Amino acid sequence: MLLTSFKNRLRAFRDDTSGNVTVEFVLAMPILFWAFMASYVFFDGYRQSAVNLKAAYTVSDLISRETEAINDNYIDSMLRLMELMTRTPSDVDLRVSVIRWDEDESRYYLDWSANRGFPAALTNSNISDIEARLPVMPDNERVILVETNNVFVPLFNVGLDDINLANFVFTRPRFVSQVVWEGDPPGEETYPDNDT
């Protein structure tokens, strides 16, 4: 009798579905909430990466159209433009360099480099560190290199660490053969045949 009563109660418990929705909600809601937050964080990261790249191309394009000499105030305004375009809470680093290829010596030379926030300035002695990333150029051709850097900090903790968003953009001068620096160039000594 006791065993029959226990079986009947067990059968009734198995057939009762009145609390299933609540249990399913309690089990599924944390996963759905995490998926929503993760989707937002990943979308925001890709958006910030795309905005940073577009801002770097904008700065590069603006400098490539310059026909007058560039100075520290100009570079500072390019940094402010980057900060305005990216609208990121983290610091934005900017390094603008004009680089020339010398066919006779088979190496790149630096005309000038202006650094805002990067740990090290680009010089003729350390230009070999980025040589593999520079384009193939004809003799005495110049390229404007814009490097940007900032950190994407996820809004929610979904298992994604802070991501360093670095861009490396180069453009040829458009209207002049060389974008020049006003006064003594920052960053490094001049190279042979600097007047070409």
N, C-alpha and C. Protein backbone atom coordinates (compact mmCIF):
# COMPACT_ATOMS: atom_id res chain seq x y z
N MET A 1 0.81 -1.18 0.00
CA MET A 1 0.00 0.00 0.00
C MET A 1 0.86 1.26 0.00
N LEU A 2 1.86 1.25 0.82
CA LEU A 2 2.76 2.39 0.90
C LEU A 2 3.52 2.55 -0.42
N LEU A 3 3.93 1.45 -1.00
CA LEU A 3 4.65 1.50 -2.27
C LEU A 3 3.74 2.00 -3.38
N THR A 4 2.49 1.60 -3.40
CA THR A 4 1.54 2.06 -4.41
C THR A 4 1.29 3.55 -4.25
N SER A 5 1.14 4.02 -3.03
CA SER A 5 0.93 5.44 -2.77
C SER A 5 2.14 6.27 -3.24
N PHE A 6 3.33 5.74 -2.96
CA PHE A 6 4.55 6.44 -3.38
C PHE A 6 4.64 6.50 -4.89
N LYS A 7 4.31 5.39 -5.58
CA LYS A 7 4.32 5.37 -7.05
C LYS A 7 3.31 6.35 -7.62
N ASN A 8 2.13 6.41 -7.00
CA ASN A 8 1.10 7.35 -7.48
C ASN A 8 1.56 8.81 -7.33
N ARG A 9 2.17 9.12 -6.22
CA ARG A 9 2.66 10.48 -6.01
C ARG A 9 3.80 10.81 -6.96
N LEU A 10 4.67 9.87 -7.19
CA LEU A 10 5.79 10.07 -8.13
C LEU A 10 5.25 10.28 -9.54
N ARG A 11 4.25 9.50 -9.93
CA ARG A 11 3.62 9.65 -11.24
C ARG A 11 2.94 11.01 -11.36
N ALA A 12 2.28 11.45 -10.32
CA ALA A 12 1.62 12.77 -10.33
C ALA A 12 2.64 13.89 -10.43
N PHE A 13 3.77 13.73 -9.73
CA PHE A 13 4.83 14.75 -9.81
C PHE A 13 5.40 14.82 -11.21
N ARG A 14 5.58 13.65 -11.83
CA ARG A 14 6.12 13.60 -13.20
C ARG A 14 5.16 14.26 -14.18
N ASP A 15 3.89 14.07 -14.04
CA ASP A 15 2.90 14.59 -14.98
C ASP A 15 2.55 16.06 -14.73
N ASP A 16 2.90 16.59 -13.57
CA ASP A 16 2.57 17.99 -13.25
C ASP A 16 3.57 18.91 -13.96
N THR A 17 3.09 19.81 -14.82
CA THR A 17 3.95 20.73 -15.58
C THR A 17 3.69 22.18 -15.21
N SER A 18 3.13 22.46 -14.10
CA SER A 18 2.73 23.83 -13.76
C SER A 18 3.92 24.77 -13.52
N GLY A 19 5.10 24.30 -13.13
CA GLY A 19 6.23 25.19 -12.84
C GLY A 19 7.33 25.17 -13.89
N ASN A 20 7.10 24.53 -15.04
CA ASN A 20 8.15 24.40 -16.05
C ASN A 20 8.63 25.74 -16.60
N VAL A 21 7.72 26.66 -16.85
CA VAL A 21 8.10 27.94 -17.44
C VAL A 21 9.03 28.71 -16.51
N THR A 22 8.73 28.71 -15.24
CA THR A 22 9.57 29.41 -14.27
C THR A 22 10.96 28.79 -14.20
N VAL A 23 11.03 27.48 -14.16
CA VAL A 23 12.32 26.80 -14.11
C VAL A 23 13.13 27.07 -15.38
N GLU A 24 12.47 26.99 -16.54
CA GLU A 24 13.16 27.27 -17.79
C GLU A 24 13.66 28.72 -17.84
N PHE A 25 12.84 29.65 -17.34
CA PHE A 25 13.24 31.05 -17.31
C PHE A 25 14.47 31.24 -16.43
N VAL A 26 14.45 30.64 -15.24
CA VAL A 26 15.58 30.78 -14.32
C VAL A 26 16.85 30.18 -14.92
N LEU A 27 16.74 29.10 -15.67
CA LEU A 27 17.91 28.49 -16.27
C LEU A 27 18.40 29.25 -17.51
N ALA A 28 17.49 29.76 -18.31
CA ALA A 28 17.87 30.36 -19.59
C ALA A 28 18.21 31.84 -19.49
N MET A 29 17.63 32.56 -18.54
CA MET A 29 17.81 34.01 -18.49
C MET A 29 19.26 34.44 -18.33
N PRO A 30 20.06 33.85 -17.46
CA PRO A 30 21.47 34.28 -17.35
C PRO A 30 22.23 34.08 -18.67
N ILE A 31 21.95 32.98 -19.37
CA ILE A 31 22.63 32.73 -20.64
C ILE A 31 22.20 33.76 -21.68
N LEU A 32 20.91 34.05 -21.75
CA LEU A 32 20.42 35.05 -22.69
C LEU A 32 20.97 36.44 -22.36
N PHE A 33 21.01 36.78 -21.09
CA PHE A 33 21.54 38.08 -20.69
C PHE A 33 23.02 38.18 -21.03
N TRP A 34 23.82 37.14 -20.78
CA TRP A 34 25.24 37.14 -21.13
C TRP A 34 25.40 37.26 -22.64
N ALA A 35 24.59 36.52 -23.41
CA ALA A 35 24.69 36.59 -24.88
C ALA A 35 24.37 38.00 -25.38
N PHE A 36 23.40 38.65 -24.80
CA PHE A 36 23.06 40.03 -25.18
C PHE A 36 24.22 40.97 -24.88
N MET A 37 24.79 40.87 -23.68
CA MET A 37 25.92 41.73 -23.31
C MET A 37 27.13 41.44 -24.19
N ALA A 38 27.41 40.16 -24.45
CA ALA A 38 28.56 39.80 -25.29
C ALA A 38 28.37 40.32 -26.71
N SER A 39 27.17 40.22 -27.24
CA SER A 39 26.90 40.75 -28.59
C SER A 39 27.17 42.25 -28.63
N TYR A 40 26.72 42.96 -27.61
CA TYR A 40 26.95 44.40 -27.56
C TYR A 40 28.45 44.71 -27.50
N VAL A 41 29.19 44.00 -26.64
CA VAL A 41 30.63 44.26 -26.47
C VAL A 41 31.38 43.97 -27.76
N PHE A 42 31.09 42.83 -28.42
CA PHE A 42 31.79 42.50 -29.66
C PHE A 42 31.45 43.49 -30.77
N PHE A 43 30.19 43.88 -30.87
CA PHE A 43 29.81 44.88 -31.86
C PHE A 43 30.51 46.21 -31.59
N ASP A 44 30.54 46.61 -30.33
CA ASP A 44 31.20 47.87 -29.98
C ASP A 44 32.69 47.82 -30.28
N GLY A 45 33.32 46.67 -30.05
CA GLY A 45 34.75 46.52 -30.36
C GLY A 45 35.02 46.64 -31.85
N TYR A 46 34.22 45.97 -32.66
CA TYR A 46 34.39 46.08 -34.12
C TYR A 46 34.09 47.49 -34.61
N ARG A 47 33.09 48.13 -34.01
CA ARG A 47 32.77 49.51 -34.38
C ARG A 47 33.93 50.43 -34.06
N GLN A 48 34.51 50.28 -32.86
CA GLN A 48 35.63 51.13 -32.45
C GLN A 48 36.85 50.89 -33.34
N SER A 49 37.09 49.66 -33.70
CA SER A 49 38.21 49.35 -34.60
C SER A 49 38.02 50.01 -35.96
N ALA A 50 36.80 49.94 -36.50
CA ALA A 50 36.52 50.56 -37.80
C ALA A 50 36.63 52.08 -37.73
N VAL A 51 36.14 52.67 -36.64
CA VAL A 51 36.22 54.13 -36.47
C VAL A 51 37.68 54.57 -36.38
N ASN A 52 38.49 53.82 -35.64
CA ASN A 52 39.91 54.15 -35.52
C ASN A 52 40.60 54.10 -36.87
N LEU A 53 40.31 53.07 -37.66
CA LEU A 53 40.94 52.95 -38.97
C LEU A 53 40.51 54.09 -39.89
N LYS A 54 39.23 54.42 -39.89
CA LYS A 54 38.75 55.53 -40.72
C LYS A 54 39.38 56.85 -40.29
N ALA A 55 39.52 57.05 -38.99
CA ALA A 55 40.15 58.28 -38.51
C ALA A 55 41.62 58.35 -38.92
N ALA A 56 42.32 57.22 -38.87
CA ALA A 56 43.73 57.20 -39.30
C ALA A 56 43.84 57.51 -40.79
N TYR A 57 42.94 56.95 -41.61
CA TYR A 57 42.95 57.26 -43.04
C TYR A 57 42.61 58.73 -43.28
N THR A 58 41.73 59.29 -42.48
CA THR A 58 41.37 60.71 -42.64
C THR A 58 42.58 61.59 -42.35
N VAL A 59 43.29 61.33 -41.26
CA VAL A 59 44.49 62.11 -40.92
C VAL A 59 45.53 61.95 -42.02
N SER A 60 45.75 60.73 -42.47
CA SER A 60 46.72 60.48 -43.53
C SER A 60 46.35 61.23 -44.81
N ASP A 61 45.07 61.23 -45.17
CA ASP A 61 44.63 61.90 -46.37
C ASP A 61 44.78 63.42 -46.24
N LEU A 62 44.46 63.96 -45.08
CA LEU A 62 44.61 65.40 -44.86
C LEU A 62 46.07 65.83 -45.01
N ILE A 63 46.97 65.07 -44.41
CA ILE A 63 48.39 65.42 -44.49
C ILE A 63 48.89 65.26 -45.92
N SER A 64 48.40 64.26 -46.64
CA SER A 64 48.88 64.04 -48.01
C SER A 64 48.49 65.17 -48.95
N ARG A 65 47.50 65.95 -48.59
CA ARG A 65 47.04 67.07 -49.42
C ARG A 65 47.71 68.40 -49.05
N GLU A 66 48.54 68.39 -48.03
CA GLU A 66 49.19 69.62 -47.59
C GLU A 66 50.24 70.08 -48.58
N THR A 67 50.22 71.36 -48.89
CA THR A 67 51.25 71.96 -49.77
C THR A 67 52.15 72.90 -48.97
N GLU A 68 51.74 73.22 -47.74
CA GLU A 68 52.55 74.08 -46.87
C GLU A 68 53.30 73.21 -45.86
N ALA A 69 54.28 73.81 -45.19
CA ALA A 69 55.05 73.08 -44.18
C ALA A 69 54.17 72.76 -42.97
N ILE A 70 54.46 71.64 -42.37
CA ILE A 70 53.72 71.16 -41.18
C ILE A 70 54.55 71.48 -39.94
N ASN A 71 53.85 71.79 -38.83
CA ASN A 71 54.55 72.08 -37.58
C ASN A 71 53.87 71.35 -36.42
N ASP A 72 54.35 71.63 -35.21
CA ASP A 72 53.81 70.97 -34.03
C ASP A 72 52.32 71.26 -33.83
N ASN A 73 51.90 72.50 -34.09
CA ASN A 73 50.48 72.83 -33.93
C ASN A 73 49.61 72.01 -34.88
N TYR A 74 50.10 71.78 -36.08
CA TYR A 74 49.35 70.98 -37.06
C TYR A 74 49.18 69.55 -36.55
N ILE A 75 50.26 68.97 -36.04
CA ILE A 75 50.20 67.58 -35.53
C ILE A 75 49.28 67.52 -34.30
N ASP A 76 49.35 68.54 -33.43
CA ASP A 76 48.44 68.58 -32.28
C ASP A 76 46.98 68.63 -32.73
N SER A 77 46.71 69.39 -33.79
CA SER A 77 45.33 69.46 -34.29
C SER A 77 44.91 68.12 -34.90
N MET A 78 45.83 67.39 -35.51
CA MET A 78 45.51 66.06 -36.04
C MET A 78 45.20 65.09 -34.89
N LEU A 79 45.91 65.23 -33.78
CA LEU A 79 45.62 64.39 -32.60
C LEU A 79 44.23 64.72 -32.05
N ARG A 80 43.91 66.00 -31.96
CA ARG A 80 42.57 66.39 -31.49
C ARG A 80 41.49 65.88 -32.45
N LEU A 81 41.77 65.92 -33.75
CA LEU A 81 40.82 65.38 -34.73
C LEU A 81 40.61 63.88 -34.51
N MET A 82 41.70 63.15 -34.27
CA MET A 82 41.60 61.71 -33.98
C MET A 82 40.73 61.48 -32.75
N GLU A 83 40.97 62.24 -31.70
CA GLU A 83 40.20 62.08 -30.46
C GLU A 83 38.73 62.40 -30.69
N LEU A 84 38.47 63.43 -31.49
CA LEU A 84 37.09 63.80 -31.79
C LEU A 84 36.39 62.72 -32.62
N MET A 85 37.09 62.18 -33.60
CA MET A 85 36.49 61.18 -34.48
C MET A 85 36.28 59.84 -33.78
N THR A 86 37.21 59.46 -32.93
CA THR A 86 37.10 58.14 -32.28
C THR A 86 36.19 58.18 -31.05
N ARG A 87 36.12 59.30 -30.37
CA ARG A 87 35.30 59.44 -29.17
C ARG A 87 35.49 58.27 -28.21
N THR A 88 36.72 58.00 -27.90
CA THR A 88 37.04 56.88 -27.02
C THR A 88 37.49 57.42 -25.67
N PRO A 89 37.17 56.72 -24.57
CA PRO A 89 37.62 57.19 -23.26
C PRO A 89 39.12 56.99 -23.03
N SER A 90 39.76 56.10 -23.79
CA SER A 90 41.19 55.87 -23.61
C SER A 90 42.00 56.88 -24.42
N ASP A 91 43.26 57.02 -24.06
CA ASP A 91 44.14 57.96 -24.76
C ASP A 91 44.40 57.48 -26.18
N VAL A 92 44.52 58.44 -27.09
CA VAL A 92 44.83 58.15 -28.49
C VAL A 92 46.28 58.56 -28.73
N ASP A 93 47.08 57.64 -29.27
CA ASP A 93 48.46 57.93 -29.63
C ASP A 93 48.54 58.13 -31.13
N LEU A 94 49.41 59.04 -31.55
CA LEU A 94 49.55 59.35 -32.98
C LEU A 94 51.02 59.57 -33.28
N ARG A 95 51.47 58.95 -34.36
CA ARG A 95 52.83 59.20 -34.84
C ARG A 95 52.75 59.38 -36.35
N VAL A 96 53.21 60.53 -36.82
CA VAL A 96 53.20 60.85 -38.24
C VAL A 96 54.66 60.94 -38.70
N SER A 97 54.98 60.22 -39.78
CA SER A 97 56.35 60.20 -40.29
C SER A 97 56.33 60.33 -41.80
N VAL A 98 57.35 60.97 -42.33
CA VAL A 98 57.56 61.00 -43.78
C VAL A 98 58.83 60.21 -44.05
N ILE A 99 58.70 59.18 -44.90
CA ILE A 99 59.78 58.21 -45.12
C ILE A 99 60.12 58.18 -46.61
N ARG A 100 61.41 58.07 -46.91
CA ARG A 100 61.90 58.03 -48.29
C ARG A 100 62.69 56.74 -48.51
N TRP A 101 62.56 56.17 -49.72
CA TRP A 101 63.33 54.99 -50.11
C TRP A 101 64.56 55.43 -50.91
N ASP A 102 65.72 54.95 -50.55
CA ASP A 102 66.96 55.23 -51.27
C ASP A 102 67.40 53.95 -51.96
N GLU A 103 67.30 53.94 -53.28
CA GLU A 103 67.63 52.74 -54.06
C GLU A 103 69.11 52.39 -53.97
N ASP A 104 70.00 53.41 -54.01
CA ASP A 104 71.45 53.15 -53.98
C ASP A 104 71.87 52.43 -52.70
N GLU A 105 71.26 52.82 -51.58
CA GLU A 105 71.63 52.19 -50.31
C GLU A 105 70.66 51.08 -49.90
N SER A 106 69.61 50.89 -50.69
CA SER A 106 68.61 49.85 -50.41
C SER A 106 68.07 49.94 -48.98
N ARG A 107 67.62 51.13 -48.63
CA ARG A 107 67.06 51.30 -47.29
C ARG A 107 66.13 52.51 -47.26
N TYR A 108 65.31 52.54 -46.21
CA TYR A 108 64.41 53.66 -45.98
C TYR A 108 65.10 54.70 -45.11
N TYR A 109 64.79 55.95 -45.37
CA TYR A 109 65.27 57.05 -44.54
C TYR A 109 64.09 57.87 -44.06
N LEU A 110 64.27 58.49 -42.92
CA LEU A 110 63.23 59.29 -42.31
C LEU A 110 63.46 60.76 -42.62
N ASP A 111 62.47 61.43 -43.23
CA ASP A 111 62.55 62.89 -43.39
C ASP A 111 62.26 63.56 -42.05
N TRP A 112 61.14 63.21 -41.46
CA TRP A 112 60.78 63.70 -40.14
C TRP A 112 59.72 62.80 -39.53
N SER A 113 59.60 62.88 -38.23
CA SER A 113 58.59 62.10 -37.52
C SER A 113 58.13 62.88 -36.31
N ALA A 114 56.83 63.01 -36.15
CA ALA A 114 56.25 63.70 -34.99
C ALA A 114 55.46 62.68 -34.18
N ASN A 115 55.76 62.63 -32.90
CA ASN A 115 55.23 61.60 -32.03
C ASN A 115 54.35 62.23 -30.95
N ARG A 116 53.14 61.68 -30.79
CA ARG A 116 52.24 62.12 -29.72
C ARG A 116 51.73 60.88 -28.98
N GLY A 117 52.47 60.49 -27.94
CA GLY A 117 52.00 59.42 -27.08
C GLY A 117 52.65 58.06 -27.29
N PHE A 118 53.27 57.81 -28.43
CA PHE A 118 53.94 56.52 -28.62
C PHE A 118 55.15 56.43 -27.70
N PRO A 119 55.48 55.24 -27.22
CA PRO A 119 56.59 55.13 -26.27
C PRO A 119 57.94 55.51 -26.87
N ALA A 120 58.12 55.29 -28.17
CA ALA A 120 59.41 55.60 -28.79
C ALA A 120 59.17 56.36 -30.09
N ALA A 121 60.05 57.32 -30.33
CA ALA A 121 59.97 58.06 -31.59
C ALA A 121 60.58 57.23 -32.70
N LEU A 122 60.10 57.44 -33.91
CA LEU A 122 60.68 56.76 -35.07
C LEU A 122 61.92 57.54 -35.49
N THR A 123 63.03 56.84 -35.67
CA THR A 123 64.30 57.47 -36.07
C THR A 123 64.91 56.67 -37.20
N ASN A 124 65.95 57.23 -37.82
CA ASN A 124 66.65 56.50 -38.88
C ASN A 124 67.29 55.22 -38.34
N SER A 125 67.65 55.22 -37.06
CA SER A 125 68.27 54.02 -36.50
C SER A 125 67.28 52.91 -36.18
N ASN A 126 66.00 53.24 -35.92
CA ASN A 126 65.04 52.17 -35.62
C ASN A 126 63.97 51.99 -36.70
N ILE A 127 64.15 52.64 -37.85
CA ILE A 127 63.17 52.49 -38.93
C ILE A 127 63.16 51.05 -39.47
N SER A 128 64.26 50.33 -39.26
CA SER A 128 64.33 48.93 -39.71
C SER A 128 63.31 48.06 -38.97
N ASP A 129 62.83 48.50 -37.80
CA ASP A 129 61.84 47.73 -37.04
C ASP A 129 60.51 47.63 -37.79
N ILE A 130 60.19 48.63 -38.61
CA ILE A 130 58.92 48.62 -39.34
C ILE A 130 59.12 48.42 -40.84
N GLU A 131 60.34 48.18 -41.26
CA GLU A 131 60.67 48.09 -42.68
C GLU A 131 59.83 47.05 -43.42
N ALA A 132 59.56 45.93 -42.79
CA ALA A 132 58.78 44.86 -43.45
C ALA A 132 57.35 45.29 -43.72
N ARG A 133 56.85 46.27 -43.01
CA ARG A 133 55.47 46.72 -43.18
C ARG A 133 55.35 47.88 -44.17
N LEU A 134 56.47 48.45 -44.58
CA LEU A 134 56.44 49.59 -45.50
C LEU A 134 56.27 49.11 -46.94
N PRO A 135 55.69 49.95 -47.80
CA PRO A 135 55.45 49.52 -49.19
C PRO A 135 56.74 49.54 -50.01
N VAL A 136 56.70 48.81 -51.13
CA VAL A 136 57.78 48.88 -52.10
C VAL A 136 57.65 50.21 -52.83
N MET A 137 58.77 50.95 -52.93
CA MET A 137 58.72 52.28 -53.52
C MET A 137 59.85 52.46 -54.51
N PRO A 138 59.66 53.32 -55.52
CA PRO A 138 60.78 53.64 -56.42
C PRO A 138 61.78 54.56 -55.72
N ASP A 139 62.93 54.75 -56.35
CA ASP A 139 64.00 55.56 -55.77
C ASP A 139 63.52 56.99 -55.50
N ASN A 140 63.85 57.50 -54.33
CA ASN A 140 63.51 58.85 -53.87
C ASN A 140 62.01 59.10 -53.73
N GLU A 141 61.22 58.07 -53.71
CA GLU A 141 59.78 58.22 -53.48
C GLU A 141 59.55 58.37 -51.98
N ARG A 142 58.56 59.21 -51.63
CA ARG A 142 58.24 59.44 -50.22
C ARG A 142 56.84 58.95 -49.92
N VAL A 143 56.66 58.55 -48.67
CA VAL A 143 55.36 58.10 -48.21
C VAL A 143 55.11 58.71 -46.83
N ILE A 144 53.85 59.05 -46.59
CA ILE A 144 53.45 59.57 -45.27
C ILE A 144 52.91 58.39 -44.47
N LEU A 145 53.51 58.13 -43.35
CA LEU A 145 53.09 57.02 -42.49
C LEU A 145 52.37 57.59 -41.27
N VAL A 146 51.14 57.15 -41.06
CA VAL A 146 50.36 57.54 -39.89
C VAL A 146 50.12 56.29 -39.06
N GLU A 147 50.59 56.33 -37.83
CA GLU A 147 50.38 55.22 -36.90
C GLU A 147 49.51 55.73 -35.75
N THR A 148 48.47 54.98 -35.45
CA THR A 148 47.60 55.34 -34.33
C THR A 148 47.49 54.17 -33.39
N ASN A 149 47.14 54.49 -32.16
CA ASN A 149 47.07 53.45 -31.14
C ASN A 149 46.12 53.92 -30.05
N ASN A 150 45.19 53.07 -29.67
CA ASN A 150 44.42 53.29 -28.45
C ASN A 150 43.87 51.96 -27.97
N VAL A 151 43.32 51.95 -26.79
CA VAL A 151 42.89 50.70 -26.15
C VAL A 151 41.38 50.68 -26.08
N PHE A 152 40.80 49.57 -26.56
CA PHE A 152 39.36 49.35 -26.41
C PHE A 152 39.12 48.65 -25.08
N VAL A 153 38.31 49.28 -24.23
CA VAL A 153 37.97 48.71 -22.93
C VAL A 153 36.51 48.26 -22.99
N PRO A 154 36.25 46.95 -22.91
CA PRO A 154 34.86 46.47 -22.98
C PRO A 154 34.01 47.06 -21.86
N LEU A 155 32.78 47.40 -22.21
CA LEU A 155 31.86 47.99 -21.24
C LEU A 155 31.43 46.97 -20.19
N PHE A 156 31.25 45.72 -20.61
CA PHE A 156 30.85 44.65 -19.69
C PHE A 156 31.94 43.58 -19.68
N ASN A 157 32.06 42.88 -18.56
CA ASN A 157 33.02 41.79 -18.45
C ASN A 157 32.37 40.52 -19.00
N VAL A 158 32.68 40.21 -20.25
CA VAL A 158 32.15 38.99 -20.88
C VAL A 158 33.28 38.04 -21.26
N GLY A 159 34.42 38.19 -20.59
CA GLY A 159 35.56 37.33 -20.88
C GLY A 159 36.50 37.90 -21.92
N LEU A 160 36.33 39.15 -22.28
CA LEU A 160 37.17 39.80 -23.28
C LEU A 160 38.07 40.81 -22.58
N ASP A 161 39.38 40.68 -22.79
CA ASP A 161 40.33 41.61 -22.18
C ASP A 161 40.35 42.92 -22.96
N ASP A 162 41.03 43.93 -22.41
CA ASP A 162 41.25 45.17 -23.14
C ASP A 162 42.04 44.86 -24.42
N ILE A 163 41.67 45.52 -25.51
CA ILE A 163 42.29 45.24 -26.81
C ILE A 163 42.99 46.48 -27.32
N ASN A 164 44.26 46.33 -27.70
CA ASN A 164 45.01 47.43 -28.28
C ASN A 164 44.65 47.55 -29.75
N LEU A 165 44.10 48.69 -30.15
CA LEU A 165 43.72 48.94 -31.54
C LEU A 165 44.81 49.79 -32.18
N ALA A 166 45.66 49.16 -32.98
CA ALA A 166 46.77 49.85 -33.63
C ALA A 166 46.52 49.89 -35.13
N ASN A 167 46.81 51.03 -35.74
CA ASN A 167 46.65 51.19 -37.18
C ASN A 167 47.97 51.66 -37.78
N PHE A 168 48.22 51.25 -39.00
CA PHE A 168 49.46 51.55 -39.72
C PHE A 168 49.04 51.91 -41.14
N VAL A 169 48.97 53.21 -41.44
CA VAL A 169 48.41 53.68 -42.70
C VAL A 169 49.47 54.51 -43.43
N PHE A 170 49.68 54.24 -44.70
CA PHE A 170 50.62 55.06 -45.46
C PHE A 170 49.96 55.58 -46.73
N THR A 171 50.35 56.81 -47.10
CA THR A 171 49.79 57.50 -48.26
C THR A 171 50.89 58.31 -48.93
N ARG A 172 50.83 58.39 -50.26
CA ARG A 172 51.78 59.23 -50.99
C ARG A 172 51.31 60.68 -50.92
N PRO A 173 52.25 61.63 -50.89
CA PRO A 173 51.84 63.04 -50.99
C PRO A 173 51.13 63.26 -52.33
N ARG A 174 50.05 64.03 -52.32
CA ARG A 174 49.24 64.18 -53.52
C ARG A 174 49.66 65.33 -54.42
N PHE A 175 49.90 66.50 -53.86
CA PHE A 175 50.10 67.70 -54.68
C PHE A 175 51.54 68.20 -54.69
N VAL A 176 52.37 67.66 -53.84
CA VAL A 176 53.79 68.02 -53.80
C VAL A 176 54.61 66.75 -53.73
N SER A 177 55.90 66.86 -54.01
CA SER A 177 56.73 65.65 -53.96
C SER A 177 57.08 65.26 -52.54
N GLN A 178 57.00 66.22 -51.62
CA GLN A 178 57.38 65.94 -50.24
C GLN A 178 56.60 66.85 -49.30
N VAL A 179 56.06 66.28 -48.24
CA VAL A 179 55.45 67.07 -47.18
C VAL A 179 56.57 67.46 -46.22
N VAL A 180 56.82 68.74 -46.09
CA VAL A 180 57.98 69.20 -45.32
C VAL A 180 57.58 69.66 -43.93
N TRP A 181 58.57 69.66 -43.06
CA TRP A 181 58.41 70.13 -41.69
C TRP A 181 58.91 71.56 -41.61
N GLU A 182 58.19 72.40 -40.87
CA GLU A 182 58.57 73.79 -40.70
C GLU A 182 59.71 73.87 -39.69
N GLY A 183 60.84 74.42 -40.10
CA GLY A 183 62.00 74.53 -39.20
C GLY A 183 62.78 73.23 -39.16
N ASP A 184 63.45 72.99 -38.04
CA ASP A 184 64.24 71.76 -37.88
C ASP A 184 63.31 70.59 -37.70
N PRO A 185 63.50 69.52 -38.47
CA PRO A 185 62.60 68.37 -38.34
C PRO A 185 62.72 67.69 -36.99
N PRO A 186 61.60 67.26 -36.42
CA PRO A 186 61.67 66.54 -35.15
C PRO A 186 62.10 65.10 -35.38
N GLY A 187 62.67 64.51 -34.38
CA GLY A 187 62.87 63.07 -34.41
C GLY A 187 64.24 62.58 -34.79
N GLU A 188 64.91 63.17 -35.77
CA GLU A 188 66.14 62.53 -36.24
C GLU A 188 66.94 63.47 -37.10
N GLU A 189 68.20 63.12 -37.25
CA GLU A 189 69.08 63.87 -38.13
C GLU A 189 68.67 63.63 -39.58
N THR A 190 69.11 64.47 -40.46
CA THR A 190 68.76 64.31 -41.87
C THR A 190 69.63 63.24 -42.49
N TYR A 191 69.22 62.75 -43.64
CA TYR A 191 69.95 61.71 -44.35
C TYR A 191 70.62 62.34 -45.57
N PRO A 192 71.47 61.59 -46.27
CA PRO A 192 72.13 62.12 -47.47
C PRO A 192 71.10 62.54 -48.52
N ASP A 193 71.41 63.58 -49.26
CA ASP A 193 70.56 64.08 -50.34
C ASP A 193 69.18 64.49 -49.81
N ASN A 194 69.15 65.18 -48.70
CA ASN A 194 67.88 65.56 -48.08
C ASN A 194 67.11 66.56 -48.93
N ASP A 195 67.77 67.23 -49.86
CA ASP A 195 67.08 68.24 -50.65
C ASP A 195 66.33 67.67 -51.84
N THR A 196 66.39 66.36 -52.07
CA THR A 196 65.69 65.76 -53.21
C THR A 196 64.24 65.59 -52.91
